[in-house]
Amino acid sequence: MELLYKELTQEIIAACMEVHIIIGCGCLEAVYAEALEREFSLRGIEYQREKELPVLYKDLKLQKTYKVDFVCYGKIILELKAS
């Protein structure tokens, strides 16, 4: 599978892996999100946290929005999941 933004995606994954290596398993999603925000800053990765995006249905904008965990580089959506 070819990634659209291969180099940028690799940078994001490397930051995620660093957070996972340091924190490990078992924390809440909010803990990983805060740590990842700091890691993005340390690495100079451009991001917006908890950004609200419009939802379209048949070319109509719905009243409800979709809040994503991170938008990196203005074009890559990152959703965190913890279990």
Protein backbone atom coordinates (compact mmCIF):
# COMPACT_ATOMS: atom_id res chain seq x y z
CA MET A 1 0.00 0.00 0.00
CA GLU A 2 1.37 3.39 -1.00
CA LEU A 3 1.04 6.15 1.59
CA LEU A 4 0.06 9.62 0.41
CA TYR A 5 2.45 11.49 2.70
CA LYS A 6 5.07 8.82 3.40
CA GLU A 7 7.79 10.96 5.03
CA LEU A 8 5.35 12.94 7.14
CA THR A 9 3.57 9.76 8.20
CA GLN A 10 6.88 8.19 9.22
CA GLU A 11 7.65 11.22 11.40
CA ILE A 12 4.26 10.96 13.10
CA ILE A 13 4.60 7.20 13.67
CA ALA A 14 8.10 7.67 15.11
CA ALA A 15 6.73 10.20 17.61
CA CYS A 16 3.89 7.82 18.54
CA MET A 17 6.33 4.95 19.05
CA GLU A 18 8.53 7.13 21.29
CA VAL A 19 5.54 7.91 23.49
CA HIS A 20 4.61 4.22 23.62
CA ILE A 21 8.17 3.17 24.51
CA ILE A 22 8.40 5.70 27.35
CA ILE A 23 4.88 5.44 28.80
CA GLY A 24 4.07 1.83 27.93
CA CYS A 25 0.61 0.23 28.06
CA GLY A 26 -2.34 0.80 30.31
CA CYS A 27 -2.81 4.59 30.44
CA LEU A 28 -5.84 6.59 29.47
CA GLU A 29 -6.06 8.12 26.01
CA ALA A 30 -5.76 11.62 27.53
CA VAL A 31 -2.32 10.76 28.95
CA TYR A 32 -1.05 9.54 25.57
CA ALA A 33 -2.51 12.63 23.86
CA GLU A 34 -0.72 15.02 26.23
CA ALA A 35 2.57 13.15 25.89
CA LEU A 36 2.21 13.03 22.11
CA GLU A 37 1.53 16.75 21.98
CA ARG A 38 4.83 17.34 23.79
CA GLU A 39 6.65 14.89 21.52
CA PHE A 40 5.28 16.62 18.43
CA SER A 41 6.55 19.94 19.80
CA LEU A 42 10.00 18.49 20.53
CA ARG A 43 10.24 17.10 17.00
CA GLY A 44 8.87 20.18 15.26
CA ILE A 45 5.82 18.34 13.94
CA GLU A 46 3.09 20.82 13.04
CA TYR A 47 -0.20 19.87 14.67
CA GLN A 48 -3.59 21.08 15.86
CA ARG A 49 -5.15 19.26 18.79
CA GLU A 50 -8.87 18.46 19.11
CA LYS A 51 -9.74 20.22 15.88
CA GLU A 52 -13.38 20.35 14.84
CA LEU A 53 -14.02 19.44 11.22
CA PRO A 54 -17.26 19.89 9.27
CA VAL A 55 -19.27 16.85 8.24
CA LEU A 56 -20.87 16.81 4.81
CA TYR A 57 -23.78 14.64 3.76
CA LYS A 58 -24.74 14.73 0.08
CA ASP A 59 -22.95 18.07 -0.31
CA LEU A 60 -24.79 19.56 2.67
CA LYS A 61 -22.94 20.64 5.79
CA LEU A 62 -24.41 19.03 8.89
CA GLN A 63 -24.81 20.91 12.16
CA LYS A 64 -22.74 18.30 13.97
CA THR A 65 -18.97 18.42 13.63
CA TYR A 66 -16.29 15.78 13.98
CA LYS A 67 -13.62 16.52 16.58
CA VAL A 68 -10.36 14.75 15.73
CA ASP A 69 -7.55 14.17 18.24
CA PHE A 70 -4.85 15.68 16.01
CA VAL A 71 -4.47 17.15 12.54
CA CYS A 72 -0.79 17.04 11.59
CA TYR A 73 0.71 19.23 8.89
CA GLY A 74 -2.77 20.48 8.08
CA LYS A 75 -3.64 17.30 6.18
CA ILE A 76 -3.12 14.11 8.23
CA ILE A 77 -5.82 13.13 10.74
CA LEU A 78 -4.63 11.19 13.78
CA GLU A 79 -7.10 9.47 16.10
CA LEU A 80 -5.72 7.95 19.30
CA LYS A 81 -7.12 4.78 20.80
CA ALA A 82 -6.14 3.24 24.15
CA SER A 83 -7.33 0.06 25.75
